[in-house]
Protein backbone atom coordinates (compact mmCIF):
# COMPACT_ATOMS: atom_id res chain seq x y z
CA THR A 1 27.12 -48.50 -38.14
CA ALA A 2 26.29 -45.86 -40.71
CA ASN A 3 28.72 -44.23 -43.08
CA LEU A 4 29.53 -40.62 -42.05
CA THR A 5 30.29 -37.78 -44.45
CA LEU A 6 33.42 -36.23 -42.95
CA THR A 7 33.83 -32.94 -44.78
CA ASP A 8 33.67 -31.29 -48.16
CA PRO A 9 36.67 -32.43 -50.24
CA LYS A 10 37.57 -28.76 -50.74
CA ASP A 11 37.57 -28.08 -46.98
CA ASN A 12 41.15 -27.54 -45.72
CA THR A 13 40.29 -28.05 -42.04
CA ILE A 14 42.01 -31.45 -42.12
CA GLU A 15 45.49 -31.63 -43.52
CA ILE A 16 45.39 -34.65 -45.83
CA GLU A 17 48.88 -36.11 -46.11
CA VAL A 18 48.05 -38.16 -49.23
CA GLU A 19 47.93 -36.10 -52.43
CA GLU A 20 47.30 -37.00 -56.04
CA GLY A 21 50.55 -37.82 -57.84
CA ASP A 22 52.51 -38.69 -54.67
CA TRP A 23 54.32 -41.97 -54.12
CA TYR A 24 52.24 -44.26 -51.92
CA LYS A 25 53.47 -44.27 -48.31
CA GLN A 26 51.74 -46.24 -45.58
CA SER A 27 52.99 -43.77 -42.94
CA ASP A 28 51.17 -40.89 -44.68
CA VAL A 29 47.95 -42.91 -44.80
CA GLU A 30 48.23 -43.67 -41.07
CA LYS A 31 48.92 -40.02 -40.26
CA THR A 32 45.82 -38.95 -42.20
CA VAL A 33 43.72 -41.52 -40.32
CA SER A 34 44.99 -40.03 -37.03
CA GLN A 35 44.21 -36.46 -38.14
CA MET A 36 40.69 -37.42 -39.24
CA THR A 37 40.10 -39.15 -35.91
CA ASP A 38 41.32 -36.05 -34.03
CA TYR A 39 39.10 -33.79 -36.13
CA LEU A 40 35.98 -35.78 -35.27
CA GLY A 41 36.99 -36.45 -31.68
CA LYS A 42 37.26 -32.73 -30.94
CA ARG A 43 33.69 -32.38 -32.22
CA GLY A 44 32.35 -35.00 -29.82
CA VAL A 45 32.03 -37.87 -32.30
CA ALA A 46 32.74 -40.93 -30.13
CA PHE A 47 34.11 -44.32 -31.18
CA VAL A 48 34.82 -43.07 -34.66
CA ASN A 49 36.49 -45.56 -36.99
CA VAL A 50 38.42 -44.45 -40.08
CA GLU A 51 39.24 -47.31 -42.45
CA PRO A 52 41.54 -46.65 -45.43
CA GLU A 53 40.61 -48.65 -48.54
CA LEU A 54 43.14 -49.20 -51.35
CA VAL A 55 41.80 -49.43 -54.90
CA ARG A 56 44.61 -50.73 -57.08
CA ASP A 57 44.99 -49.91 -60.77
CA VAL A 58 47.56 -52.56 -61.72
CA ALA A 59 47.64 -51.67 -65.40
CA ASN A 60 48.62 -48.05 -64.75
CA GLU A 61 50.66 -48.84 -61.59
CA LYS A 62 48.48 -46.54 -59.49
CA VAL A 63 46.47 -46.86 -56.30
CA ASP A 64 43.50 -44.81 -55.11
CA VAL A 65 43.09 -44.29 -51.36
CA VAL A 66 39.52 -44.06 -50.08
CA PHE A 67 38.96 -43.13 -46.41
CA ASN A 68 35.75 -44.70 -45.11
CA VAL A 69 34.58 -43.07 -41.89
CA TYR A 70 32.10 -44.76 -39.55
CA GLU A 71 30.52 -43.34 -36.42
CA GLY A 72 29.62 -45.37 -33.34
CA ASP A 73 27.18 -44.55 -30.54
CA ARG A 74 27.61 -41.40 -28.45
CA ILE A 75 29.28 -42.55 -25.21
CA PHE A 76 29.65 -40.66 -21.93
CA ILE A 77 32.36 -41.15 -19.29
CA ASP A 78 30.97 -42.83 -16.19
CA ARG A 79 34.10 -42.90 -13.99
CA ILE A 80 37.83 -42.27 -14.31
CA ASN A 81 39.60 -44.96 -12.28
CA ILE A 82 43.29 -44.53 -11.39
CA THR A 83 45.44 -47.41 -10.14
CA GLY A 84 49.13 -48.02 -9.50
CA ASN A 85 49.81 -44.62 -7.93
CA ASP A 86 50.84 -45.73 -4.46
CA ARG A 87 52.63 -42.44 -3.74
CA THR A 88 51.28 -39.86 -6.18
CA LEU A 89 47.93 -38.37 -5.23
CA ASP A 90 45.01 -38.97 -7.61
CA GLU A 91 44.46 -35.24 -7.99
CA VAL A 92 47.92 -34.79 -9.52
CA ILE A 93 46.95 -37.13 -12.38
CA ARG A 94 43.42 -35.74 -12.67
CA HIS A 95 44.82 -32.22 -13.05
CA GLU A 96 46.46 -33.39 -16.29
CA PHE A 97 43.26 -34.88 -17.76
CA ARG A 98 41.29 -32.96 -20.39
CA VAL A 99 38.10 -34.94 -19.82
CA ALA A 100 36.04 -35.37 -16.68
CA GLU A 101 33.38 -37.78 -15.45
CA GLY A 102 30.12 -37.04 -17.27
CA ASP A 103 31.82 -35.69 -20.42
CA ALA A 104 31.30 -37.19 -23.84
CA MET A 105 33.99 -39.72 -24.69
CA ASN A 106 36.66 -37.90 -26.68
CA TYR A 107 39.63 -40.01 -27.73
CA SER A 108 41.62 -37.04 -28.95
CA LYS A 109 41.42 -35.44 -25.49
CA ILE A 110 42.22 -38.77 -23.82
CA ARG A 111 45.34 -39.07 -25.97
CA ASP A 112 46.33 -35.51 -24.98
CA SER A 113 45.73 -36.43 -21.34
CA ARG A 114 48.02 -39.42 -21.62
CA ARG A 115 50.78 -37.23 -23.07
CA ASN A 116 50.34 -34.75 -20.20
CA VAL A 117 50.63 -37.51 -17.59
CA GLU A 118 53.71 -38.96 -19.32
CA ASN A 119 55.34 -35.52 -19.39
CA LEU A 120 55.10 -35.34 -15.59
CA ASN A 121 57.98 -37.85 -15.71
CA PHE A 122 56.69 -39.52 -12.53
CA PHE A 123 55.79 -42.85 -14.16
CA SER A 124 57.61 -45.50 -16.14
CA LYS A 125 54.32 -46.59 -17.79
CA VAL A 126 50.98 -44.90 -18.43
CA ASP A 127 48.23 -47.15 -19.77
CA ILE A 128 44.70 -45.88 -20.48
CA GLN A 129 41.85 -48.19 -21.48
CA THR A 130 38.10 -47.71 -21.89
CA GLU A 131 35.55 -50.16 -20.51
CA ALA A 132 31.83 -50.21 -21.35
CA THR A 133 29.67 -50.11 -18.20
CA GLY A 134 26.20 -49.84 -19.65
CA PRO A 135 24.18 -48.27 -22.43
CA ASN A 136 26.05 -45.19 -23.67
CA LYS A 137 28.45 -45.28 -20.70
CA ALA A 138 32.08 -46.30 -20.23
CA ASN A 139 34.83 -46.03 -17.65
CA VAL A 140 38.28 -44.67 -18.37
CA ASN A 141 40.78 -46.89 -16.55
CA VAL A 142 44.21 -45.37 -15.93
CA ASN A 143 47.02 -47.62 -14.78
CA VAL A 144 50.45 -46.18 -13.98
CA GLU A 145 53.74 -47.57 -12.77
CA GLU A 146 55.59 -45.16 -10.52
CA LYS A 147 59.31 -44.61 -10.76
CA SER A 148 61.82 -42.81 -8.58
CA THR A 149 61.32 -39.04 -8.73
CA GLY A 150 63.88 -38.09 -6.09
CA TYR A 151 67.56 -37.83 -6.86
CA PHE A 152 70.60 -37.49 -4.69
CA ASN A 153 73.61 -36.96 -6.85
CA VAL A 154 77.28 -36.64 -6.08
CA GLY A 155 79.66 -36.47 -8.97
CA VAL A 156 83.12 -35.53 -10.01
CA GLY A 157 84.24 -34.89 -13.54
CA TYR A 158 85.98 -32.65 -15.98
CA SER A 159 84.58 -29.92 -18.19
CA THR A 160 86.52 -28.28 -21.00
CA THR A 161 85.03 -24.95 -19.91
CA ASN A 162 85.37 -25.16 -16.13
CA GLY A 163 88.09 -27.79 -15.60
CA ALA A 164 87.83 -30.32 -12.77
CA LEU A 165 84.46 -30.15 -11.05
CA PHE A 166 82.46 -31.50 -8.13
CA ARG A 167 78.67 -31.37 -8.02
CA ALA A 168 76.13 -32.51 -5.47
CA GLY A 169 72.44 -32.01 -4.99
CA VAL A 170 69.10 -33.27 -3.79
CA VAL A 171 66.08 -32.89 -6.08
CA GLU A 172 62.56 -34.20 -5.56
CA ASN A 173 60.22 -33.76 -8.54
CA ASN A 174 57.16 -35.18 -6.78
CA PHE A 175 57.51 -33.81 -3.27
CA ARG A 176 54.95 -35.31 -0.84
CA GLY A 177 53.25 -36.95 -3.84
CA LYS A 178 51.72 -33.58 -4.80
CA GLY A 179 53.82 -32.97 -7.90
CA GLN A 180 55.78 -30.24 -6.14
CA GLN A 181 59.41 -29.72 -7.11
CA ALA A 182 62.06 -28.94 -4.50
CA GLY A 183 65.80 -29.01 -4.77
CA ILE A 184 69.19 -27.76 -3.73
CA ASN A 185 72.25 -28.05 -5.95
CA PHE A 186 75.76 -26.78 -5.62
CA GLY A 187 78.92 -27.13 -7.63
CA ILE A 188 82.58 -26.27 -7.35
CA SER A 189 85.07 -26.27 -10.20
CA GLN A 190 88.36 -24.65 -11.06
CA ARG A 191 86.47 -21.68 -12.52
CA THR A 192 83.00 -21.58 -10.98
CA ARG A 193 81.11 -21.87 -7.71
CA ASP A 194 77.35 -21.97 -7.62
CA VAL A 195 74.46 -22.75 -5.27
CA ASN A 196 70.78 -22.97 -6.30
CA LEU A 197 67.70 -23.54 -4.13
CA SER A 198 64.31 -23.88 -5.79
CA PHE A 199 60.69 -24.76 -5.04
CA THR A 200 57.72 -25.02 -7.43
CA GLU A 201 54.05 -25.61 -6.66
CA PRO A 202 52.46 -26.76 -9.97
CA TYR A 203 48.84 -26.45 -8.78
CA PHE A 204 48.82 -23.14 -6.91
CA LEU A 205 45.34 -22.34 -5.51
CA ASN A 206 44.31 -25.82 -6.71
CA ARG A 207 44.47 -24.67 -10.32
CA ARG A 208 46.81 -25.38 -13.23
CA LEU A 209 48.82 -22.39 -12.08
CA SER A 210 52.46 -22.91 -11.18
CA ALA A 211 54.23 -20.72 -8.63
CA GLY A 212 57.81 -20.93 -7.46
CA ALA A 213 60.87 -19.25 -6.02
CA ASP A 214 64.63 -19.54 -6.48
CA LEU A 215 67.69 -18.38 -4.58
CA PHE A 216 71.03 -18.43 -6.37
CA MET A 217 74.69 -17.55 -6.04
CA GLN A 218 77.41 -17.89 -8.66
CA THR A 219 81.00 -16.80 -9.10
CA GLN A 220 82.70 -17.18 -12.48
CA ASP A 221 86.36 -16.82 -13.49
CA TYR A 222 86.69 -15.16 -16.92
CA LYS A 223 90.44 -14.56 -16.75
CA ASP A 224 91.10 -16.84 -19.74
CA GLU A 225 88.59 -15.04 -21.95
CA ALA A 226 88.54 -11.49 -20.63
CA SER A 227 90.81 -10.86 -17.57
CA TYR A 228 88.15 -10.54 -14.83
CA ASP A 229 85.81 -12.43 -12.48
CA THR A 230 82.09 -11.99 -11.81
CA SER A 231 79.81 -12.76 -8.88
CA THR A 232 76.01 -12.83 -8.78
CA TYR A 233 73.70 -13.17 -5.77
CA GLY A 234 69.94 -13.00 -5.93
CA GLY A 235 66.50 -14.50 -6.03
CA ARG A 236 63.55 -14.97 -8.34
CA LEU A 237 59.76 -15.32 -8.04
CA ARG A 238 57.95 -17.22 -10.81
CA MET A 239 54.40 -17.93 -11.94
CA GLY A 240 53.06 -19.75 -14.99
CA TRP A 241 49.81 -20.93 -16.52
CA ASN A 242 48.52 -22.62 -19.67
CA TYR A 243 45.94 -21.23 -22.05
CA THR A 244 45.83 -24.66 -23.72
CA ASP A 245 47.84 -27.87 -23.25
CA ASP A 246 50.35 -26.55 -25.78
CA PHE A 247 50.35 -22.79 -25.11
CA GLY A 248 51.84 -21.52 -21.85
CA HIS A 249 52.65 -18.13 -20.33
CA TYR A 250 55.29 -17.59 -17.61
CA VAL A 251 56.14 -14.43 -15.69
CA ARG A 252 58.99 -13.69 -13.25
CA TYR A 253 60.65 -11.06 -11.09
CA THR A 254 64.40 -11.22 -10.50
CA LEU A 255 66.49 -9.20 -8.06
CA SER A 256 70.27 -9.69 -8.10
CA GLU A 257 73.52 -7.99 -7.16
CA ASN A 258 76.24 -8.35 -9.79
CA GLU A 259 79.92 -7.51 -9.51
CA VAL A 260 82.79 -7.33 -11.98
CA ARG A 261 85.86 -7.86 -9.85
CA HIS A 262 89.51 -8.93 -9.78
CA VAL A 263 90.15 -7.04 -13.01
CA GLN A 264 93.74 -7.61 -14.03
CA ASP A 265 96.16 -4.76 -14.69
CA ASN A 266 96.56 -5.84 -18.31
CA ALA A 267 92.79 -6.12 -18.92
CA SER A 268 91.00 -4.28 -21.69
CA TYR A 269 90.21 -0.62 -21.15
CA PHE A 270 86.54 -1.42 -21.71
CA ILE A 271 86.55 -4.03 -18.95
CA LYS A 272 88.25 -1.72 -16.47
CA GLN A 273 85.39 0.72 -17.07
CA GLU A 274 82.96 -1.98 -15.87
CA GLU A 275 84.64 -2.84 -12.55
CA GLY A 276 82.38 -2.65 -9.50
CA LYS A 277 78.92 -3.62 -8.25
CA SER A 278 75.48 -3.01 -9.70
CA THR A 279 71.92 -4.12 -8.93
CA THR A 280 69.46 -5.60 -11.41
CA SER A 281 65.73 -5.51 -10.73
CA ALA A 282 63.91 -7.06 -13.68
CA ILE A 283 60.46 -8.31 -14.61
CA GLY A 284 60.03 -10.73 -17.47
CA GLN A 285 57.67 -13.01 -19.32
CA THR A 286 57.94 -15.96 -21.68
CA LEU A 287 55.36 -17.35 -24.09
CA VAL A 288 55.81 -21.03 -24.99
CA TYR A 289 54.07 -23.08 -27.69
CA ASP A 290 55.07 -26.72 -27.31
CA LYS A 291 53.88 -29.32 -29.83
CA ARG A 292 56.54 -31.97 -29.11
CA ASP A 293 55.30 -35.55 -28.86
CA ASN A 294 57.33 -36.03 -25.67
CA ALA A 295 59.27 -33.49 -23.63
CA TYR A 296 62.00 -35.96 -22.57
CA ASN A 297 62.52 -38.14 -25.63
CA THR A 298 61.33 -36.03 -28.54
CA LYS A 299 60.78 -37.71 -31.90
CA GLU A 300 58.35 -35.38 -33.65
CA GLY A 301 56.87 -31.91 -33.24
CA TYR A 302 58.12 -28.41 -32.61
CA PHE A 303 58.79 -25.92 -29.80
CA LEU A 304 58.54 -22.11 -29.92
CA SER A 305 59.26 -19.52 -27.23
CA LEU A 306 59.48 -15.74 -27.01
CA SER A 307 60.87 -13.94 -23.95
CA HIS A 308 61.04 -10.30 -22.87
CA ASP A 309 62.79 -8.92 -19.79
CA ILE A 310 62.94 -5.29 -18.72
CA ALA A 311 65.38 -4.17 -16.02
CA GLY A 312 65.03 -0.84 -14.26
CA VAL A 313 62.11 -1.39 -11.89
CA GLY A 314 64.52 -0.35 -9.17
CA GLY A 315 68.22 -1.15 -9.29
CA ASN A 316 70.72 0.71 -11.46
CA ASN A 317 70.82 -1.51 -14.57
CA LYS A 318 68.36 -0.52 -17.28
CA TYR A 319 67.76 -2.60 -20.38
CA ASN A 320 65.20 -4.29 -22.62
CA LYS A 321 66.06 -7.85 -23.58
CA PHE A 322 64.31 -10.09 -26.12
CA GLU A 323 64.99 -13.76 -26.93
CA ALA A 324 63.28 -16.12 -29.37
CA LYS A 325 63.75 -19.87 -29.88
CA ALA A 326 62.37 -22.33 -32.42
CA TYR A 327 62.98 -26.08 -32.63
CA LYS A 328 61.61 -28.63 -35.09
CA PHE A 329 61.98 -32.40 -34.66
CA HIS A 330 61.44 -35.09 -37.29
CA THR A 331 62.29 -38.80 -37.17
CA ILE A 332 62.91 -40.95 -40.22
CA ALA A 333 62.27 -44.70 -40.04
CA ASP A 334 62.29 -44.51 -36.23
CA PHE A 335 66.08 -44.27 -36.49
CA PHE A 336 67.38 -40.81 -37.37
CA THR A 337 65.93 -37.93 -35.32
CA PHE A 338 66.63 -34.54 -36.92
CA LYS A 339 66.54 -31.35 -34.88
CA PHE A 340 66.38 -28.01 -36.72
CA PHE A 341 66.87 -25.03 -34.44
CA ALA A 342 67.12 -21.24 -34.52
CA THR A 343 67.65 -18.83 -31.62
CA ALA A 344 68.06 -15.07 -31.57
CA GLY A 345 68.48 -12.38 -28.93
CA TYR A 346 68.67 -8.60 -28.65
CA ILE A 347 69.40 -6.36 -25.67
CA LYS A 348 69.45 -2.56 -25.51
CA GLY A 349 70.06 -0.16 -22.64
CA TYR A 350 67.84 2.85 -22.01
CA GLY A 351 67.81 5.93 -19.79
CA GLY A 352 71.42 6.71 -20.65
CA LYS A 353 72.62 3.26 -19.48
CA ASP A 354 74.79 0.92 -21.55
CA VAL A 355 74.40 -2.85 -21.32
CA ARG A 356 76.97 -4.24 -18.89
CA LEU A 357 79.34 -7.18 -19.44
CA PHE A 358 77.34 -9.83 -17.55
CA ASP A 359 74.08 -8.99 -19.36
CA ARG A 360 75.47 -9.22 -22.89
CA PHE A 361 75.25 -12.22 -25.19
CA TYR A 362 78.25 -14.51 -25.70
CA LEU A 363 78.68 -17.08 -28.46
CA GLY A 364 80.86 -20.18 -28.45
CA GLY A 365 81.10 -23.42 -26.51
CA GLN A 366 77.69 -25.00 -25.90
CA ASN A 367 75.98 -22.48 -28.20
CA MET A 368 78.26 -22.68 -31.27
CA ARG A 369 80.33 -25.82 -31.11
CA GLY A 370 83.86 -25.74 -32.53
CA PHE A 371 84.56 -22.39 -30.82
CA GLU A 372 85.60 -21.67 -27.22
CA PHE A 373 83.16 -20.04 -24.82
CA ALA A 374 83.05 -16.35 -25.89
CA GLY A 375 85.28 -17.36 -28.80
CA ILE A 376 83.20 -15.37 -31.34
CA GLY A 377 82.50 -11.65 -31.40
CA ALA A 378 84.07 -8.31 -30.51
CA ARG A 379 87.54 -8.58 -29.00
CA ASP A 380 89.98 -5.95 -27.72
CA ALA A 381 92.70 -5.74 -30.40
CA GLN A 382 95.45 -5.12 -27.81
CA THR A 383 94.53 -7.55 -25.01
CA GLY A 384 92.40 -10.15 -26.84
CA ASP A 385 89.66 -9.88 -24.18
CA ALA A 386 86.16 -10.93 -25.30
CA LEU A 387 83.58 -8.13 -24.95
CA GLY A 388 80.30 -9.89 -25.80
CA GLY A 389 77.55 -8.42 -27.95
CA ASN A 390 74.14 -6.75 -27.93
CA TRP A 391 72.55 -9.21 -30.35
CA MET A 392 73.15 -12.80 -31.35
CA MET A 393 71.92 -15.44 -33.79
CA TYR A 394 72.56 -19.16 -33.42
CA SER A 395 70.99 -21.88 -35.57
CA GLY A 396 71.70 -25.16 -37.29
CA VAL A 397 70.68 -28.78 -37.66
CA GLU A 398 71.71 -31.97 -35.91
CA THR A 399 70.74 -35.61 -36.13
CA LEU A 400 70.68 -38.10 -33.26
CA PHE A 401 70.93 -41.83 -33.97
CA PRO A 402 71.54 -45.11 -32.10
CA ILE A 403 75.05 -46.59 -32.17
CA GLY A 404 74.35 -49.94 -30.49
CA LEU A 405 74.70 -48.64 -26.92
CA ASP A 406 71.04 -47.96 -26.14
CA GLU A 407 71.22 -49.97 -22.90
CA LEU A 408 73.87 -47.50 -21.67
CA GLY A 409 71.90 -44.46 -22.80
CA VAL A 410 74.46 -43.46 -25.44
CA LYS A 411 73.56 -42.10 -28.89
CA GLY A 412 75.59 -40.59 -31.71
CA ARG A 413 75.19 -37.11 -33.14
CA LEU A 414 76.15 -35.13 -36.26
CA PHE A 415 75.73 -31.35 -36.38
CA TRP A 416 76.11 -28.18 -38.42
CA ASP A 417 76.09 -24.88 -36.46
CA LEU A 418 75.80 -21.29 -37.69
CA GLY A 419 76.09 -18.16 -35.57
CA ALA A 420 76.82 -14.45 -35.44
CA LEU A 421 77.29 -11.94 -32.60
CA GLY A 422 76.67 -8.18 -32.68
CA LYS A 423 78.74 -5.30 -31.29
CA PRO A 424 78.42 -4.30 -27.62
CA ASP A 425 77.65 -0.76 -26.41
CA ASN A 426 80.27 1.91 -25.86
CA ILE A 427 83.32 0.48 -27.65
CA LYS A 428 83.99 3.44 -29.94
CA ASP A 429 87.38 4.72 -28.77
CA PRO A 430 90.17 5.63 -31.24
CA TYR A 431 92.85 4.80 -28.66
CA HIS A 432 91.49 1.30 -27.95
CA PRO A 433 90.70 -0.50 -31.24
CA VAL A 434 88.31 -3.45 -31.28
CA LEU A 435 88.31 -6.42 -33.65
CA TYR A 436 84.81 -7.19 -34.88
CA SER A 437 82.94 -8.81 -37.76
CA ASP A 438 79.27 -9.72 -38.05
CA LYS A 439 80.09 -12.46 -40.58
CA ILE A 440 78.15 -15.67 -39.95
CA ARG A 441 80.50 -18.32 -38.57
CA GLN A 442 79.94 -22.00 -39.33
CA SER A 443 81.12 -25.30 -37.88
CA ILE A 444 80.44 -28.99 -38.41
CA GLY A 445 81.15 -31.96 -36.21
CA PHE A 446 80.05 -35.09 -34.42
CA GLY A 447 79.45 -36.12 -30.85
CA PHE A 448 77.75 -38.39 -28.34
CA ASP A 449 74.71 -37.91 -26.11
CA TRP A 450 74.97 -39.88 -22.84
CA LEU A 451 72.21 -40.15 -20.23
CA SER A 452 74.62 -41.10 -17.44
CA PRO A 453 73.91 -41.73 -13.71
CA MET A 454 75.23 -38.17 -13.15
CA GLY A 455 72.75 -36.72 -15.62
CA LYS A 456 72.98 -35.73 -19.26
CA ILE A 457 76.53 -35.50 -20.65
CA ASP A 458 77.40 -34.26 -24.13
CA LEU A 459 80.73 -34.95 -25.85
CA ASP A 460 81.27 -32.99 -29.06
CA PHE A 461 84.05 -32.61 -31.61
CA GLY A 462 83.57 -29.40 -33.61
CA PHE A 463 85.50 -28.02 -36.59
CA PRO A 464 85.04 -24.40 -37.74
CA ILE A 465 84.62 -24.05 -41.50
CA VAL A 466 83.93 -20.26 -41.55
CA LYS A 467 85.75 -18.09 -38.97
CA GLU A 468 87.72 -14.89 -38.39
CA ARG A 469 91.46 -15.03 -37.68
CA TYR A 470 90.99 -13.76 -34.11
CA ASP A 471 88.20 -16.23 -33.16
CA GLU A 472 89.14 -18.82 -30.53
CA LYS A 473 88.67 -22.46 -31.64
CA GLU A 474 87.83 -25.47 -29.47
CA VAL A 475 87.82 -28.91 -31.12
CA PHE A 476 86.67 -31.00 -28.14
CA ARG A 477 83.95 -30.09 -25.67
CA LEU A 478 82.53 -31.97 -22.67
CA ASN A 479 79.32 -30.53 -21.23
CA PHE A 480 77.21 -31.48 -18.21
CA GLY A 481 73.57 -30.49 -18.03
CA THR A 482 70.37 -30.46 -20.00
CA SER A 483 69.46 -29.06 -23.38
CA LEU A 484 66.35 -28.88 -25.51
C-alpha cells in the first residue's frame, strides 16, 4: 500500500477532534479516524485505512498524534446478498441501501445503510460483511434476524392527567412484509375517549416516498382546568420524502370538526364566547433534519424540525401556525446520556378570526413537568379557568442513566425544565380581568423511564422553582406514550 496525502493541514473540510494543547483522549482520536474514513469513503476511496501513531515526548509530558492514511485497491460491489429475512421482502431492505450492485465500495454509505435498516425496527440484529469475490470485486453480505413487528395490546392503568384508563389496539409495522404500517387504537379514561385508524405505505410508487391516511376521533374533559369539554372528528392525508438520509420533507392535509361543549354556568366569560362547532381545513408541512445515531435508543446526534400549518382552505377557522424543535444528545462514558432540548410555537389568526381554544398552545404536564396540564399561562381571575396562549417556549436538559434494572427496561432520569406561554387573542375586557405573566417558569426533578409490555411509561416527580402564585403545581406525573 502507498501512503496517501489526505488534505492540506489548513483545510477545514474534516473536523479534527484533536487540537494542539488539548488533553490526550483516546475517544477523540477514534472519532477523528472515523471522520477521516468518512471523508475518503464519500469520495470513492475504497478500503482506506487510517492508523493513528503516537509520538511520546516523555521529558515534556506531551504526545504528538500522527494520522497515517493508506489507500487500498479500488473495489466494486459484485452482489448484495440478503439472508435471514424470512418474512420481510428483499426490496424493503434494498430500499434502505445507499449503494447498489456495480457501485464502487463505499464504507461510509454502507454504514449509513446499516443505520437505515436498523431504524426500520424490524430486526433484532443487522450484520453487514464484505467478501472478496475476485480481482477488484466483493460481495456485500447482509444478515438480519427478524423480530415481532405486530402488536396487540390491552392495558389498564392510571394517569395523573386522565385518571383510570383502558387502552387496546392492533398495530403492524411490517404489514405483509412490505414495510407498510397499519393500526387501530382506542382508549377510554375518566376524561378522554379516542379512536385512531392509520395506514402508511413507505414506498409509494416504488420510490422512497411515503403516503398515508388517518381517521381520528377524540373527546376531552377540561372541566378541572377550564369548565368545558371538547370533541374532534376528522381525517388526514400525508405524504413524505427524503432529500438525503438525514433531511426529510412531509406534507399533510387535515379536515376536522371541532366543538366546545358542555360549558358550565360558572365558566369564564371568554370560554362561553367559544361554545359551539367549527370546521378546520388545514394544509401543513414539516422539514426534519435527523442526525441521531439511532431513532429508538439515541446516544449521540441531534434532531431538528420546523413545521408550518395554515388553516382556512375551506372551513371557518383561519390561522397560521409555526412550530420548531431542536434536540441534542450526548453520552458520557457510555453511561450518562444527556438530552438538551428547545421547542417553540406561534399561532396567529387572520381574516378577522381569533385563534380558538382548541388550537392554542398549553403548557404544563408532559411539556413542563412540575406543573399541571395547562397549569401555566393566562387564567381568568374570577373563575381560574386556563385560557391557553398564542405562543409558547419550552426547553431544558435531562440526563438518562442506568439504575441496575436494565433487564426490566427501567432507567433513571434527572431534569431541569424552563417554559413560558404567551397571551391568547381577544382577552381584553375591563369587566373580566385575566391573570397573566410571560415570566419564564422553571422546575427541576427526577423520574424513571420504563419500556413496559404496555409501551413506554414515564414517572416523574417535578418541583417548581420559579412560578406565579396562580400557577397550578403537580408534583407527581405518570404518562403513557412515546416521546423524542
